[in-house]
């Protein structure tokens, strides 16, 4: 799993966003946070959601907004990616 920033080459390079979005999306963010304009959660080449980072009193918080409810594997992979991001 990757936590990509806004305007990352992966999302900017494609003219058609259908190439990296899953076909069935329960939740779709507004245009301001839509890829490539928002930070995206990518797993196996598909954009599964967006993420937001906040820093309060030295505490880093990364919150996901999933397009579809995540599987256990996706949730676990997200937690691992957050831990790696936080360590960086």
N, C-alpha and C. Protein backbone atom coordinates (compact mmCIF):
# COMPACT_ATOMS: atom_id res chain seq x y z
N UNK A 1 0.85 -1.18 0.00
CA UNK A 1 0.00 0.00 0.00
C UNK A 1 0.88 1.22 0.00
N UNK A 2 0.42 2.23 -0.71
CA UNK A 2 1.13 3.50 -0.81
C UNK A 2 0.22 4.64 -0.39
N UNK A 3 0.77 5.60 0.31
CA UNK A 3 0.08 6.85 0.63
C UNK A 3 0.72 7.92 -0.24
N UNK A 4 0.07 8.23 -1.34
CA UNK A 4 0.65 9.17 -2.30
C UNK A 4 0.13 10.59 -2.05
N UNK A 5 1.00 11.59 -2.26
CA UNK A 5 0.58 12.98 -2.08
C UNK A 5 -0.25 13.48 -3.25
N UNK A 6 -0.87 14.62 -3.06
CA UNK A 6 -1.61 15.23 -4.16
C UNK A 6 -0.67 15.52 -5.33
N UNK A 7 -1.22 15.45 -6.52
CA UNK A 7 -0.50 15.70 -7.76
C UNK A 7 0.68 14.74 -7.97
N UNK A 8 0.61 13.55 -7.40
CA UNK A 8 1.64 12.55 -7.65
C UNK A 8 1.58 12.12 -9.11
N UNK A 9 2.72 11.73 -9.67
CA UNK A 9 2.78 11.34 -11.08
C UNK A 9 1.84 10.19 -11.41
N UNK A 10 1.61 9.32 -10.44
CA UNK A 10 0.76 8.16 -10.71
C UNK A 10 -0.66 8.57 -11.12
N UNK A 11 -1.20 9.57 -10.47
CA UNK A 11 -2.56 10.00 -10.80
C UNK A 11 -2.59 11.11 -11.84
N UNK A 12 -1.56 11.92 -11.90
CA UNK A 12 -1.54 13.03 -12.85
C UNK A 12 -1.30 12.53 -14.28
N UNK A 13 -0.57 11.45 -14.44
CA UNK A 13 -0.16 10.98 -15.75
C UNK A 13 -1.30 10.42 -16.60
N UNK A 14 -2.41 10.06 -15.96
CA UNK A 14 -3.52 9.45 -16.71
C UNK A 14 -4.58 10.48 -17.06
N UNK A 15 -5.00 10.47 -18.29
CA UNK A 15 -6.09 11.36 -18.71
C UNK A 15 -7.42 10.84 -18.16
N UNK A 16 -7.61 9.54 -18.21
CA UNK A 16 -8.84 8.91 -17.75
C UNK A 16 -8.63 8.32 -16.36
N UNK A 17 -9.35 8.81 -15.40
CA UNK A 17 -9.19 8.32 -14.03
C UNK A 17 -9.78 6.93 -13.82
N UNK A 18 -10.58 6.47 -14.76
CA UNK A 18 -11.14 5.12 -14.63
C UNK A 18 -10.05 4.06 -14.63
N UNK A 19 -8.85 4.41 -15.09
CA UNK A 19 -7.76 3.45 -15.14
C UNK A 19 -7.28 3.05 -13.75
N UNK A 20 -7.40 3.94 -12.77
CA UNK A 20 -6.91 3.59 -11.44
C UNK A 20 -7.98 3.58 -10.36
N UNK A 21 -9.21 3.97 -10.69
CA UNK A 21 -10.30 3.86 -9.71
C UNK A 21 -10.94 2.48 -9.80
N UNK A 22 -11.34 1.92 -8.67
CA UNK A 22 -12.13 0.68 -8.74
C UNK A 22 -13.44 0.95 -9.48
N UNK A 23 -13.99 -0.05 -10.11
CA UNK A 23 -15.23 0.14 -10.89
C UNK A 23 -16.42 0.49 -10.01
N UNK A 24 -16.52 -0.12 -8.85
CA UNK A 24 -17.66 0.15 -7.97
C UNK A 24 -17.19 0.94 -6.75
N UNK A 25 -17.64 2.17 -6.67
CA UNK A 25 -17.25 3.05 -5.57
C UNK A 25 -18.51 3.45 -4.81
N UNK A 26 -18.50 3.19 -3.51
CA UNK A 26 -19.62 3.57 -2.66
C UNK A 26 -19.56 5.07 -2.35
N UNK A 27 -18.38 5.56 -2.01
CA UNK A 27 -18.19 6.96 -1.63
C UNK A 27 -17.25 7.61 -2.62
N UNK A 28 -17.61 8.75 -3.14
CA UNK A 28 -16.72 9.50 -4.02
C UNK A 28 -16.57 10.90 -3.43
N UNK A 29 -15.31 11.33 -3.21
CA UNK A 29 -15.11 12.66 -2.62
C UNK A 29 -15.48 13.76 -3.60
N UNK A 30 -15.61 14.95 -3.09
CA UNK A 30 -15.88 16.10 -3.95
C UNK A 30 -14.68 16.38 -4.85
N UNK A 31 -14.87 17.23 -5.85
CA UNK A 31 -13.81 17.48 -6.83
C UNK A 31 -12.51 18.04 -6.24
N UNK A 32 -12.59 18.76 -5.16
CA UNK A 32 -11.38 19.32 -4.55
C UNK A 32 -10.45 18.23 -4.02
N UNK A 33 -11.01 17.10 -3.57
CA UNK A 33 -10.20 16.03 -2.99
C UNK A 33 -10.09 14.82 -3.91
N UNK A 34 -10.66 14.91 -5.07
CA UNK A 34 -10.58 13.83 -6.04
C UNK A 34 -9.13 13.71 -6.54
N UNK A 35 -8.71 12.48 -6.86
CA UNK A 35 -7.38 12.31 -7.45
C UNK A 35 -7.37 13.04 -8.78
N UNK A 36 -6.37 13.76 -9.13
CA UNK A 36 -5.07 13.87 -8.49
C UNK A 36 -4.95 15.00 -7.48
N UNK A 37 -6.07 15.62 -7.10
CA UNK A 37 -6.01 16.80 -6.25
C UNK A 37 -5.88 16.49 -4.76
N UNK A 38 -6.16 15.27 -4.37
CA UNK A 38 -6.05 14.89 -2.97
C UNK A 38 -4.97 13.85 -2.77
N UNK A 39 -4.60 13.64 -1.54
CA UNK A 39 -3.68 12.57 -1.18
C UNK A 39 -4.43 11.26 -1.33
N UNK A 40 -3.85 10.27 -2.00
CA UNK A 40 -4.58 9.05 -2.31
C UNK A 40 -3.96 7.82 -1.66
N UNK A 41 -4.82 6.85 -1.38
CA UNK A 41 -4.43 5.54 -0.86
C UNK A 41 -4.44 4.59 -2.06
N UNK A 42 -3.30 3.98 -2.36
CA UNK A 42 -3.18 3.09 -3.52
C UNK A 42 -2.74 1.71 -3.07
N UNK A 43 -3.44 0.70 -3.56
CA UNK A 43 -3.05 -0.69 -3.30
C UNK A 43 -3.31 -1.50 -4.56
N UNK A 44 -2.32 -2.25 -4.98
CA UNK A 44 -2.41 -3.07 -6.18
C UNK A 44 -2.82 -2.25 -7.40
N UNK A 45 -2.34 -1.03 -7.49
CA UNK A 45 -2.60 -0.18 -8.64
C UNK A 45 -3.92 0.57 -8.62
N UNK A 46 -4.77 0.32 -7.64
CA UNK A 46 -6.08 0.98 -7.57
C UNK A 46 -6.10 2.02 -6.45
N UNK A 47 -6.73 3.15 -6.74
CA UNK A 47 -6.93 4.17 -5.72
C UNK A 47 -8.14 3.75 -4.89
N UNK A 48 -7.89 3.47 -3.60
CA UNK A 48 -8.94 2.96 -2.71
C UNK A 48 -9.57 4.04 -1.84
N UNK A 49 -8.96 5.22 -1.81
CA UNK A 49 -9.50 6.28 -0.98
C UNK A 49 -8.54 7.46 -0.94
N UNK A 50 -8.85 8.38 -0.05
CA UNK A 50 -7.99 9.54 0.16
C UNK A 50 -7.58 9.58 1.62
N UNK A 51 -6.56 10.34 1.93
CA UNK A 51 -6.11 10.46 3.32
C UNK A 51 -5.77 11.91 3.62
N UNK A 52 -5.90 12.23 4.90
CA UNK A 52 -5.58 13.58 5.38
C UNK A 52 -4.64 13.46 6.56
N UNK A 53 -3.68 14.37 6.60
CA UNK A 53 -2.70 14.39 7.67
C UNK A 53 -2.94 15.61 8.54
N UNK A 54 -2.81 15.41 9.84
CA UNK A 54 -2.87 16.55 10.76
C UNK A 54 -1.78 16.37 11.82
N UNK A 55 -1.31 17.48 12.31
CA UNK A 55 -0.26 17.48 13.33
C UNK A 55 -0.72 18.40 14.44
N UNK A 56 -0.96 17.81 15.59
CA UNK A 56 -1.43 18.59 16.75
C UNK A 56 -0.56 18.27 17.95
N UNK A 57 0.03 19.29 18.50
CA UNK A 57 0.88 19.14 19.68
C UNK A 57 1.93 18.06 19.49
N UNK A 58 2.54 18.05 18.29
CA UNK A 58 3.58 17.08 18.01
C UNK A 58 3.10 15.68 17.71
N UNK A 59 1.80 15.48 17.67
CA UNK A 59 1.21 14.16 17.41
C UNK A 59 0.69 14.11 15.97
N UNK A 60 1.23 13.18 15.19
CA UNK A 60 0.82 13.00 13.80
C UNK A 60 -0.40 12.11 13.73
N UNK A 61 -1.37 12.53 12.94
CA UNK A 61 -2.58 11.74 12.73
C UNK A 61 -2.85 11.67 11.23
N UNK A 62 -3.10 10.45 10.73
CA UNK A 62 -3.45 10.26 9.33
C UNK A 62 -4.79 9.53 9.29
N UNK A 63 -5.77 10.20 8.71
CA UNK A 63 -7.13 9.66 8.65
C UNK A 63 -7.50 9.29 7.22
N UNK A 64 -7.98 8.06 7.01
CA UNK A 64 -8.41 7.66 5.68
C UNK A 64 -9.88 7.98 5.42
N UNK A 65 -10.21 8.18 4.17
CA UNK A 65 -11.60 8.22 3.71
C UNK A 65 -11.66 7.20 2.58
N UNK A 66 -12.16 6.03 2.89
CA UNK A 66 -12.20 4.93 1.93
C UNK A 66 -13.37 5.12 0.97
N UNK A 67 -13.16 4.72 -0.29
CA UNK A 67 -14.24 4.75 -1.26
C UNK A 67 -15.23 3.62 -1.01
N UNK A 68 -14.73 2.47 -0.59
CA UNK A 68 -15.54 1.32 -0.20
C UNK A 68 -15.04 0.87 1.16
N UNK A 69 -15.85 0.21 1.96
CA UNK A 69 -15.35 -0.29 3.24
C UNK A 69 -14.12 -1.17 3.01
N UNK A 70 -13.04 -0.92 3.76
CA UNK A 70 -11.80 -1.68 3.52
C UNK A 70 -11.89 -3.10 4.06
N UNK A 71 -11.17 -3.99 3.39
CA UNK A 71 -11.05 -5.36 3.90
C UNK A 71 -10.06 -5.35 5.07
N UNK A 72 -9.97 -6.46 5.75
CA UNK A 72 -8.99 -6.55 6.85
C UNK A 72 -7.57 -6.35 6.32
N UNK A 73 -7.28 -6.94 5.16
CA UNK A 73 -5.94 -6.81 4.57
C UNK A 73 -5.66 -5.35 4.21
N UNK A 74 -6.65 -4.65 3.67
CA UNK A 74 -6.46 -3.24 3.32
C UNK A 74 -6.26 -2.40 4.57
N UNK A 75 -7.03 -2.66 5.61
CA UNK A 75 -6.87 -1.91 6.88
C UNK A 75 -5.50 -2.15 7.48
N UNK A 76 -5.06 -3.40 7.47
CA UNK A 76 -3.74 -3.73 8.02
C UNK A 76 -2.64 -3.07 7.20
N UNK A 77 -2.76 -3.11 5.88
CA UNK A 77 -1.77 -2.48 5.02
C UNK A 77 -1.74 -0.97 5.23
N UNK A 78 -2.91 -0.37 5.45
CA UNK A 78 -2.97 1.07 5.71
C UNK A 78 -2.24 1.39 7.02
N UNK A 79 -2.48 0.62 8.05
CA UNK A 79 -1.81 0.86 9.35
C UNK A 79 -0.30 0.73 9.21
N UNK A 80 0.16 -0.23 8.43
CA UNK A 80 1.60 -0.38 8.17
C UNK A 80 2.14 0.83 7.43
N UNK A 81 1.43 1.30 6.41
CA UNK A 81 1.85 2.47 5.64
C UNK A 81 1.89 3.72 6.54
N UNK A 82 0.92 3.86 7.41
CA UNK A 82 0.90 5.01 8.35
C UNK A 82 2.10 4.94 9.28
N UNK A 83 2.42 3.76 9.79
CA UNK A 83 3.58 3.61 10.68
C UNK A 83 4.87 3.98 9.95
N UNK A 84 5.01 3.55 8.69
CA UNK A 84 6.20 3.88 7.92
C UNK A 84 6.26 5.38 7.63
N UNK A 85 5.13 5.98 7.30
CA UNK A 85 5.07 7.43 7.04
C UNK A 85 5.44 8.19 8.32
N UNK A 86 4.92 7.75 9.45
CA UNK A 86 5.18 8.42 10.72
C UNK A 86 6.65 8.33 11.11
N UNK A 87 7.27 7.18 10.83
CA UNK A 87 8.68 7.01 11.14
C UNK A 87 9.56 7.91 10.28
N UNK A 88 9.11 8.16 9.04
CA UNK A 88 9.85 9.00 8.13
C UNK A 88 9.82 10.44 8.63
